Amino acid sequence: MRELFITFVFLSWQLKADSQIPTEMVNIKGGTYVPLYGVKSASVSIDNFSLDVYPVTNDQYLAFIEKYPKWKRDKVIRLFADDNYLSNWQSDSNYPLNTSGKVPVNSISWYAAKTYCECQGKRLPTTDEWEYAAMADETRRDAREDSLYSQRILAGYEAPRTNRLEIGSTFKNIWGVHDLHGLVWEWTSDFNSVLISGESRKDVDTDRNLFCAAGSVGATDLMNYAAFMRYAFRGSLKANYSVRNLGFRCAAE
């Protein structure tokens, strides 16, 4: 197990060595926000960062595995991706039948997503960065108090997902970021960090409220049900899981 972990670290280092940053990113101005699991007096500070305009697509991921064949479906080390990794692809070199190359790639493990971003000279966004960017609509940096916006987000979660919608199919928010809601769920670098024990955070009530249905009563914003769905989904994951409708995008400092 230790040798495999060292292998992963070495592969990540190799990818960084010849990385370059693609241009299709936008700058997100930092600020503060109150996350789902916080209280109104406990805001989180977000530094300035950059985020991909779109989720990573089938075409982009195909180019990645052609350059780094160790991440092809039949060659990947199972410690880093389970049996569902790219399971919907026709082969190592052919993404799903009747699917456009501009459709977000999915069935990708956290290890694979992390390595892809490092290959581009970038990284996965943190959960706080992702949530901060995702609370914006077309005209406001924080639209969470708008019940109509909340309903639109939830409607996107409830709609059947065919994995055939191309990037740019959903709205562009005020930052210029597309498709944060409505196409695929997305990996974050610290996807399971909220599961840190309440004792270690000096806030035992946080755990109780987050994972108890009654906790939504004390929620801090109208998007909380959608946010609960995201945090619950993230909390169910392990780093080698490869799940349908789970893709990713990259961030940078």
Protein backbone atom coordinates (compact mmCIF):
# COMPACT_ATOMS: atom_id res chain seq x y z
CA MET A 1 0.00 0.00 0.00
CA ARG A 2 2.79 2.43 0.92
CA GLU A 3 4.62 1.69 -2.34
CA LEU A 4 1.47 2.41 -4.35
CA PHE A 5 1.00 5.72 -2.55
CA ILE A 6 4.60 6.69 -3.29
CA THR A 7 3.96 5.77 -6.93
CA PHE A 8 0.98 8.14 -7.05
CA VAL A 9 2.99 10.99 -5.53
CA PHE A 10 5.81 10.40 -8.02
CA LEU A 11 3.41 10.34 -10.97
CA SER A 12 1.84 13.60 -9.77
CA TRP A 13 5.29 15.17 -9.52
CA GLN A 14 6.15 14.04 -13.05
CA LEU A 15 2.99 15.65 -14.41
CA LYS A 16 3.78 18.95 -12.71
CA ALA A 17 7.17 19.02 -14.36
CA ASP A 18 5.79 19.55 -17.87
CA SER A 19 2.54 21.31 -17.02
CA GLN A 20 1.03 24.39 -18.56
CA ILE A 21 -2.00 26.48 -17.67
CA PRO A 22 -4.83 26.55 -20.25
CA THR A 23 -6.36 29.97 -20.89
CA GLU A 24 -10.07 29.24 -20.43
CA MET A 25 -10.29 30.36 -16.83
CA VAL A 26 -11.85 33.32 -15.04
CA ASN A 27 -10.70 35.18 -11.96
CA ILE A 28 -12.90 34.99 -8.86
CA LYS A 29 -12.49 37.90 -6.45
CA GLY A 30 -12.19 36.66 -2.90
CA GLY A 31 -14.52 37.55 -0.09
CA THR A 32 -16.38 35.94 2.78
CA TYR A 33 -19.35 33.62 2.97
CA VAL A 34 -21.11 31.46 5.55
CA PRO A 35 -20.93 27.78 4.58
CA LEU A 36 -23.73 25.32 5.18
CA TYR A 37 -22.17 23.85 8.30
CA GLY A 38 -21.37 27.23 9.89
CA VAL A 39 -23.31 29.76 11.91
CA LYS A 40 -24.02 33.28 10.75
CA SER A 41 -21.27 34.70 12.91
CA ALA A 42 -18.68 32.25 11.53
CA SER A 43 -17.91 33.32 7.99
CA VAL A 44 -15.12 31.83 5.87
CA SER A 45 -12.60 34.01 4.04
CA ILE A 46 -11.84 33.14 0.43
CA ASP A 47 -8.70 34.43 -1.28
CA ASN A 48 -8.68 35.45 -4.93
CA PHE A 49 -8.49 32.40 -7.21
CA SER A 50 -9.10 31.33 -10.79
CA LEU A 51 -11.59 28.70 -11.92
CA ASP A 52 -12.19 26.86 -15.17
CA VAL A 53 -15.10 28.30 -17.13
CA TYR A 54 -16.40 24.80 -17.91
CA PRO A 55 -16.14 21.29 -16.49
CA VAL A 56 -13.47 19.09 -18.07
CA THR A 57 -14.85 17.41 -21.19
CA ASN A 58 -14.54 13.98 -22.79
CA ASP A 59 -12.23 15.41 -25.46
CA GLN A 60 -9.95 17.01 -22.89
CA TYR A 61 -9.76 13.90 -20.77
CA LEU A 62 -9.12 11.71 -23.80
CA ALA A 63 -6.15 13.91 -24.70
CA PHE A 64 -4.89 13.54 -21.13
CA ILE A 65 -5.00 9.74 -21.06
CA GLU A 66 -3.43 9.52 -24.51
CA LYS A 67 -0.50 11.53 -23.16
CA TYR A 68 -0.44 9.68 -19.83
CA PRO A 69 -1.59 6.12 -20.65
CA LYS A 70 -1.20 4.96 -17.04
CA TRP A 71 -4.57 6.65 -16.48
CA LYS A 72 -6.36 4.68 -19.20
CA ARG A 73 -9.24 2.52 -18.02
CA ASP A 74 -7.47 -0.80 -18.46
CA LYS A 75 -4.14 0.36 -17.03
CA VAL A 76 -5.03 2.48 -14.03
CA ILE A 77 -3.98 1.16 -10.61
CA ARG A 78 -7.13 0.15 -8.74
CA LEU A 79 -5.98 1.89 -5.59
CA PHE A 80 -6.50 5.14 -7.49
CA ALA A 81 -9.73 4.29 -9.34
CA ASP A 82 -12.33 1.60 -8.75
CA ASP A 83 -13.90 -0.68 -11.36
CA ASN A 84 -16.38 2.02 -12.39
CA TYR A 85 -13.60 4.26 -13.69
CA LEU A 86 -14.54 5.29 -17.26
CA SER A 87 -16.90 2.31 -17.25
CA ASN A 88 -19.25 4.13 -19.63
CA TRP A 89 -16.53 4.53 -22.27
CA GLN A 90 -16.52 2.19 -25.25
CA SER A 91 -12.78 1.62 -24.88
CA ASP A 92 -9.65 3.34 -23.62
CA SER A 93 -9.70 5.57 -26.69
CA ASN A 94 -13.43 6.01 -27.25
CA TYR A 95 -15.76 7.87 -24.94
CA PRO A 96 -19.45 6.87 -24.64
CA LEU A 97 -21.34 6.04 -27.82
CA ASN A 98 -23.55 8.84 -29.13
CA THR A 99 -21.89 11.30 -26.76
CA SER A 100 -20.20 14.52 -27.82
CA GLY A 101 -16.62 15.31 -26.96
CA LYS A 102 -17.94 18.50 -25.37
CA VAL A 103 -19.93 16.60 -22.74
CA PRO A 104 -18.37 16.75 -19.25
CA VAL A 105 -16.34 13.64 -18.51
CA ASN A 106 -17.66 11.58 -15.60
CA SER A 107 -16.95 8.28 -13.83
CA ILE A 108 -13.65 9.84 -12.75
CA SER A 109 -11.98 9.22 -9.39
CA TRP A 110 -10.62 11.99 -7.16
CA TYR A 111 -7.08 10.75 -7.78
CA ALA A 112 -7.58 11.00 -11.53
CA ALA A 113 -9.18 14.45 -11.33
CA LYS A 114 -6.42 15.72 -9.04
CA THR A 115 -3.70 14.41 -11.33
CA TYR A 116 -5.37 15.86 -14.43
CA CYS A 117 -5.45 19.32 -12.87
CA GLU A 118 -1.82 19.05 -11.77
CA CYS A 119 -0.93 18.08 -15.33
CA GLN A 120 -2.42 21.42 -16.42
CA GLY A 121 -0.44 23.32 -13.79
CA LYS A 122 -3.59 23.75 -11.72
CA ARG A 123 -5.42 22.03 -8.88
CA LEU A 124 -8.89 21.02 -7.80
CA PRO A 125 -10.89 23.81 -6.13
CA THR A 126 -11.48 23.55 -2.42
CA THR A 127 -15.04 22.92 -1.27
CA ASP A 128 -15.26 26.48 0.07
CA GLU A 129 -14.02 27.92 -3.24
CA TRP A 130 -16.51 25.82 -5.20
CA GLU A 131 -19.42 26.76 -2.95
CA TYR A 132 -18.39 30.42 -2.99
CA ALA A 133 -18.41 30.52 -6.79
CA ALA A 134 -21.58 28.45 -6.99
CA MET A 135 -23.68 30.80 -4.86
CA ALA A 136 -23.65 33.39 -7.68
CA ASP A 137 -26.29 33.79 -10.36
CA GLU A 138 -26.13 35.86 -13.55
CA THR A 139 -26.17 39.24 -11.78
CA ARG A 140 -25.33 38.67 -8.09
CA ARG A 141 -22.33 37.23 -6.28
CA ASP A 142 -24.64 35.76 -3.66
CA ALA A 143 -28.12 34.75 -4.80
CA ARG A 144 -28.82 32.36 -1.95
CA GLU A 145 -31.58 34.49 -0.44
CA ASP A 146 -33.58 34.32 -3.66
CA SER A 147 -36.06 31.46 -3.38
CA LEU A 148 -36.51 31.33 -7.17
CA TYR A 149 -32.78 30.77 -7.59
CA SER A 150 -32.91 28.01 -5.02
CA GLN A 151 -35.80 26.37 -6.86
CA ARG A 152 -33.88 26.53 -10.14
CA ILE A 153 -30.89 24.79 -8.58
CA LEU A 154 -33.05 22.07 -7.07
CA ALA A 155 -34.92 21.57 -10.35
CA GLY A 156 -31.56 20.90 -12.01
CA TYR A 157 -30.71 18.31 -9.37
CA GLU A 158 -34.06 16.59 -9.77
CA ALA A 159 -34.02 16.45 -13.58
CA PRO A 160 -32.99 13.14 -15.17
CA ARG A 161 -29.32 13.26 -16.14
CA THR A 162 -28.54 11.74 -19.49
CA ASN A 163 -24.83 12.63 -19.53
CA ARG A 164 -25.34 14.05 -23.01
CA LEU A 165 -25.65 17.77 -22.32
CA GLU A 166 -22.67 19.71 -23.61
CA ILE A 167 -20.76 22.30 -21.63
CA GLY A 168 -22.39 25.73 -21.76
CA SER A 169 -25.87 24.22 -21.57
CA THR A 170 -26.65 25.94 -18.26
CA PHE A 171 -26.37 29.56 -17.18
CA LYS A 172 -23.19 31.62 -16.88
CA ASN A 173 -22.91 33.27 -13.48
CA ILE A 174 -21.64 36.77 -12.72
CA TRP A 175 -18.05 35.52 -12.55
CA GLY A 176 -18.29 34.05 -16.06
CA VAL A 177 -18.41 30.42 -14.88
CA HIS A 178 -20.76 28.00 -16.65
CA ASP A 179 -22.46 24.80 -15.54
CA LEU A 180 -21.79 24.75 -11.79
CA HIS A 181 -25.32 23.43 -11.44
CA GLY A 182 -27.26 21.11 -13.70
CA LEU A 183 -24.70 19.06 -15.64
CA VAL A 184 -22.54 16.96 -13.31
CA TRP A 185 -21.57 16.87 -9.67
CA GLU A 186 -17.94 17.98 -9.26
CA TRP A 187 -15.00 16.82 -7.18
CA THR A 188 -13.32 19.23 -4.77
CA SER A 189 -9.85 18.86 -3.31
CA ASP A 190 -11.12 18.45 0.26
CA PHE A 191 -14.44 16.80 -0.56
CA ASN A 192 -14.67 14.96 2.78
CA SER A 193 -13.17 17.64 5.04
CA VAL A 194 -16.54 18.47 6.59
CA LEU A 195 -16.52 15.02 8.16
CA ILE A 196 -13.74 16.09 10.53
CA SER A 197 -15.04 15.48 14.02
CA GLY A 198 -16.83 18.25 15.82
CA GLU A 199 -14.45 17.82 18.75
CA SER A 200 -11.47 18.67 16.57
CA ARG A 201 -13.31 21.76 15.32
CA LYS A 202 -14.46 22.66 18.85
CA ASP A 203 -18.00 22.54 17.47
CA VAL A 204 -19.80 19.30 18.22
CA ASP A 205 -23.15 20.80 17.23
CA THR A 206 -21.92 21.17 13.66
CA ASP A 207 -21.81 17.39 13.17
CA ARG A 208 -25.20 16.90 14.77
CA ASN A 209 -26.84 19.59 12.65
CA LEU A 210 -25.20 18.57 9.40
CA PHE A 211 -26.22 14.93 9.49
CA CYS A 212 -29.57 15.23 11.26
CA ALA A 213 -32.65 16.01 9.14
CA ALA A 214 -33.79 18.53 11.72
CA GLY A 215 -30.60 20.47 11.12
CA SER A 216 -32.12 22.08 8.03
CA VAL A 217 -34.45 24.04 10.32
CA GLY A 218 -31.50 26.11 11.49
CA ALA A 219 -29.98 26.48 8.06
CA THR A 220 -28.31 29.77 7.19
CA ASP A 221 -29.73 30.33 3.71
CA LEU A 222 -32.47 29.31 1.33
CA MET A 223 -30.10 27.16 -0.74
CA ASN A 224 -29.47 24.88 2.21
CA TYR A 225 -31.44 21.91 0.90
CA ALA A 226 -29.40 21.95 -2.30
CA ALA A 227 -26.25 22.45 -0.22
CA PHE A 228 -27.23 19.57 2.08
CA MET A 229 -27.54 17.36 -0.99
CA ARG A 230 -24.04 18.33 -2.13
CA TYR A 231 -22.43 17.84 1.28
CA ALA A 232 -24.23 14.54 1.81
CA PHE A 233 -23.09 13.33 -1.61
CA ARG A 234 -19.50 14.38 -0.97
CA GLY A 235 -19.60 12.70 2.43
CA SER A 236 -20.55 9.40 0.79
CA LEU A 237 -17.48 9.36 -1.45
CA LYS A 238 -14.03 7.84 -1.22
CA ALA A 239 -11.11 9.08 -3.27
CA ASN A 240 -11.03 6.06 -5.59
CA TYR A 241 -14.79 6.09 -6.29
CA SER A 242 -15.77 6.70 -9.91
CA VAL A 243 -19.41 7.69 -10.07
CA ARG A 244 -21.71 8.43 -12.99
CA ASN A 245 -22.54 12.15 -13.14
CA LEU A 246 -19.43 13.00 -11.11
CA GLY A 247 -16.92 15.11 -13.01
CA PHE A 248 -14.64 18.02 -12.16
CA ARG A 249 -13.10 21.32 -13.15
CA CYS A 250 -9.78 22.88 -12.13
CA ALA A 251 -8.74 25.95 -10.18
CA ALA A 252 -5.54 27.93 -9.71
CA GLU A 253 -4.13 30.51 -7.33
